[in-house]
Protein backbone atom coordinates (compact mmCIF):
# COMPACT_ATOMS: atom_id res chain seq x y z
CA MET A 1 -90.39 -74.52 -97.80
CA PRO A 2 -87.02 -74.84 -96.05
CA ASN A 3 -85.95 -72.15 -93.61
CA ALA A 4 -83.48 -69.88 -95.32
CA GLN A 5 -80.73 -67.92 -93.73
CA ILE A 6 -81.50 -64.20 -93.43
CA MET A 7 -79.99 -62.35 -96.36
CA THR A 8 -78.54 -58.88 -95.75
CA ASP A 9 -79.39 -55.95 -98.00
CA GLU A 10 -75.81 -56.03 -99.26
CA GLU A 11 -76.19 -59.68 -100.23
CA LYS A 12 -79.47 -58.93 -102.01
CA ILE A 13 -77.85 -56.09 -103.95
CA ASP A 14 -74.90 -58.31 -104.89
CA LYS A 15 -77.24 -61.04 -106.17
CA ALA A 16 -79.21 -58.51 -108.18
CA TYR A 17 -75.96 -57.21 -109.69
CA GLN A 18 -74.79 -60.73 -110.49
CA SER A 19 -78.18 -61.37 -112.10
CA ALA A 20 -77.75 -58.27 -114.27
CA LEU A 21 -74.32 -59.51 -115.36
CA LEU A 22 -75.79 -62.88 -116.30
CA LEU A 23 -78.51 -61.17 -118.33
CA GLN A 24 -75.94 -58.99 -120.03
CA ALA A 25 -73.96 -62.13 -120.90
CA GLY A 26 -77.06 -63.68 -122.48
CA ASP A 27 -77.96 -66.09 -119.68
CA GLU A 28 -81.59 -65.08 -119.14
CA GLU A 29 -82.52 -68.32 -117.31
CA GLY A 30 -79.58 -67.97 -114.92
CA SER A 31 -80.46 -64.33 -114.33
CA ILE A 32 -84.07 -65.13 -113.48
CA ARG A 33 -83.08 -68.04 -111.27
CA LEU A 34 -80.71 -65.79 -109.30
CA LEU A 35 -83.35 -63.05 -108.94
CA ARG A 36 -85.84 -65.57 -107.62
CA SER A 37 -83.34 -66.61 -104.94
CA ILE A 38 -83.53 -63.13 -103.41
CA PRO A 39 -86.18 -63.12 -100.68
CA MET A 40 -89.38 -61.46 -101.86
CA PRO A 41 -90.45 -58.67 -99.49
CA PRO A 42 -93.44 -59.81 -97.39
CA TYR A 43 -95.75 -57.02 -98.59
CA LEU A 44 -95.07 -57.98 -102.22
CA ALA A 45 -95.53 -61.70 -101.54
CA LYS A 46 -98.90 -60.96 -99.92
CA VAL A 47 -100.06 -58.90 -102.92
CA MET A 48 -98.81 -61.54 -105.35
CA LYS A 49 -100.68 -64.25 -103.46
CA GLU A 50 -103.89 -62.19 -103.65
CA LYS A 51 -103.48 -61.27 -107.33
CA VAL A 52 -101.99 -64.39 -108.95
CA GLY A 53 -102.39 -67.08 -106.30
CA ALA A 54 -100.25 -69.20 -104.04
CA ASP A 55 -99.55 -71.79 -106.74
CA PHE A 56 -97.87 -69.15 -108.91
CA LEU A 57 -95.47 -68.32 -106.09
CA ILE A 58 -94.79 -71.95 -105.23
CA ASP A 59 -94.39 -73.12 -108.82
CA GLY A 60 -92.22 -70.10 -109.66
CA GLY A 61 -89.61 -71.06 -107.10
CA TYR A 62 -89.61 -67.66 -105.43
CA ASN A 63 -87.76 -67.23 -102.14
CA LEU A 64 -90.59 -66.57 -99.67
CA SER A 65 -88.51 -66.88 -96.50
CA GLU A 66 -89.17 -63.31 -95.35
CA ALA A 67 -92.92 -63.68 -95.87
CA GLU A 68 -92.86 -66.97 -93.93
CA ALA A 69 -90.97 -65.28 -91.10
CA GLU A 70 -93.55 -62.47 -90.97
CA PHE A 71 -96.79 -64.33 -91.69
CA GLY A 72 -96.00 -67.87 -90.49
CA SER A 73 -95.04 -71.03 -92.33
CA ASP A 74 -98.65 -71.76 -93.39
CA TRP A 75 -99.46 -68.30 -94.79
CA LEU A 76 -99.75 -69.56 -98.38
CA SER A 77 -102.45 -72.09 -97.48
CA LYS A 78 -104.61 -69.66 -95.46
């Protein structure tokens, strides 16, 4: 997974807001795609890996940059 630039809380909130606007406008796919671009918090990524598996996270296109920064680039395969 490519190294992503650190996203500020303000940027995360803005993306979430933009996602809500897309959903309101009827663009559910665009809304979901934008939400998935927000880095998943490491604690949540770890729980998701344990509960639904690494493939779910990889195939879902979630932004796991914060988890990689905290757990290492190979955390999904451990």
